[in-house]
Amino acid sequence: MTSVLHEPPNYLEKITEVYIFASVDSGGEGIIGQTVHMMGRDVFMPFVCADKARMEDLKPLAKQIARDSKRMVKLIRLSVREELEEYGK
C-alpha cells in the first residue's frame, strides 16, 4: 500500500478544544460523519474538528444527518488537553 502525504501548514498555535458531532440512540452516543472515496476506497471521515470555523462548516451536514436518520445529534465540545505520547522528531 502506498501512502500519500498531504502537508498543508498547520494554522492553530495549539489545539485547546475539539468539537464532536455525536448521534444518540438506545445504545448511547456515537460520532457521526460521512464516507468519502479516497485513494481508490471508501473511507469514513468522522465529524471531529479543532476550530470553530470548521465546526460551523460541519453543522449543516450534521443537521441533515439528524433529519435523514431521525436521530438526535449533539454538538459536543471537549476542552481538557492531556498529551499522552509523541511520535517523530
Protein backbone atom coordinates (compact mmCIF):
# COMPACT_ATOMS: atom_id res chain seq x y z
CA MET A 1 0.00 0.00 0.00
CA THR A 2 1.29 3.44 -0.91
CA SER A 3 0.65 6.42 1.35
CA VAL A 4 0.23 9.93 0.03
CA LEU A 5 1.28 12.65 2.44
CA HIS A 6 -0.52 15.98 2.16
CA GLU A 7 1.27 18.60 4.25
CA PRO A 8 -0.62 21.89 4.38
CA PRO A 9 0.77 24.21 7.05
CA ASN A 10 -0.83 23.98 10.49
CA TYR A 11 -2.73 27.11 11.46
CA LEU A 12 -3.71 26.52 15.10
CA GLU A 13 -0.97 27.53 17.54
CA LYS A 14 -2.18 24.87 19.97
CA ILE A 15 -5.29 22.71 19.91
CA THR A 16 -7.17 23.55 23.10
CA GLU A 17 -10.61 22.18 22.27
CA VAL A 18 -12.19 19.62 19.99
CA TYR A 19 -15.73 19.62 18.63
CA ILE A 20 -17.54 16.34 18.04
CA PHE A 21 -20.90 15.69 16.42
CA ALA A 22 -22.48 12.60 18.01
CA SER A 23 -25.74 10.78 17.39
CA VAL A 24 -27.77 9.39 20.28
CA ASP A 25 -29.74 6.14 20.28
CA SER A 26 -30.70 3.44 22.78
CA GLY A 27 -27.09 2.19 22.83
CA GLY A 28 -25.63 5.58 23.75
CA GLU A 29 -23.59 8.04 21.68
CA GLY A 30 -21.52 7.59 18.54
CA ILE A 31 -19.55 10.00 16.38
CA ILE A 32 -21.25 10.78 13.08
CA GLY A 33 -19.50 11.50 9.80
CA GLN A 34 -19.61 10.71 6.14
CA THR A 35 -17.99 8.25 3.81
CA VAL A 36 -15.75 9.74 1.13
CA HIS A 37 -13.96 8.00 -1.72
CA MET A 38 -10.18 8.45 -1.32
CA MET A 39 -7.27 6.68 -2.96
CA GLY A 40 -9.50 4.07 -4.53
CA ARG A 41 -11.55 3.14 -1.48
CA ASP A 42 -14.34 4.42 0.73
CA VAL A 43 -13.13 5.97 4.00
CA PHE A 44 -15.25 7.10 6.96
CA MET A 45 -14.47 10.71 7.89
CA PRO A 46 -15.75 11.47 11.40
CA PHE A 47 -17.17 14.90 12.19
CA VAL A 48 -14.43 15.93 14.63
CA CYS A 49 -12.64 19.26 14.38
CA ALA A 50 -10.43 21.61 16.39
CA ASP A 51 -11.61 25.05 15.37
CA LYS A 52 -14.90 26.95 15.31
CA ALA A 53 -14.77 27.72 11.58
CA ARG A 54 -14.64 24.02 10.63
CA MET A 55 -17.32 23.26 13.25
CA GLU A 56 -19.61 25.81 11.60
CA ASP A 57 -18.89 24.19 8.21
CA LEU A 58 -19.97 20.78 9.55
CA LYS A 59 -23.17 22.00 11.28
CA PRO A 60 -25.42 21.89 8.19
CA LEU A 61 -24.23 18.37 7.37
CA ALA A 62 -24.84 17.22 10.96
CA LYS A 63 -28.34 18.72 10.90
CA GLN A 64 -29.08 16.92 7.63
CA ILE A 65 -27.88 13.62 9.10
CA ALA A 66 -30.19 14.19 12.10
CA ARG A 67 -33.15 14.80 9.77
CA ASP A 68 -32.37 11.85 7.50
CA SER A 69 -31.68 9.38 10.31
CA LYS A 70 -34.44 10.70 12.62
CA ARG A 71 -31.92 10.63 15.47
CA MET A 72 -30.81 13.24 17.96
CA VAL A 73 -27.42 14.69 17.05
CA LYS A 74 -25.43 16.60 19.67
CA LEU A 75 -22.59 19.06 19.20
CA ILE A 76 -20.06 18.37 21.97
CA ARG A 77 -17.02 20.47 22.89
CA LEU A 78 -14.18 18.77 24.76
CA SER A 79 -11.64 21.14 26.29
CA VAL A 80 -9.32 19.26 28.61
CA ARG A 81 -5.96 18.60 26.98
CA GLU A 82 -3.69 15.75 28.05
CA GLU A 83 -0.70 14.89 25.90
CA LEU A 84 -0.19 11.13 26.15
CA GLU A 85 2.70 10.41 23.75
CA GLU A 86 4.78 11.95 20.98
CA TYR A 87 5.97 10.34 17.75
CA GLY A 88 8.59 11.52 15.27
CA LYS A 89 11.16 14.28 15.69
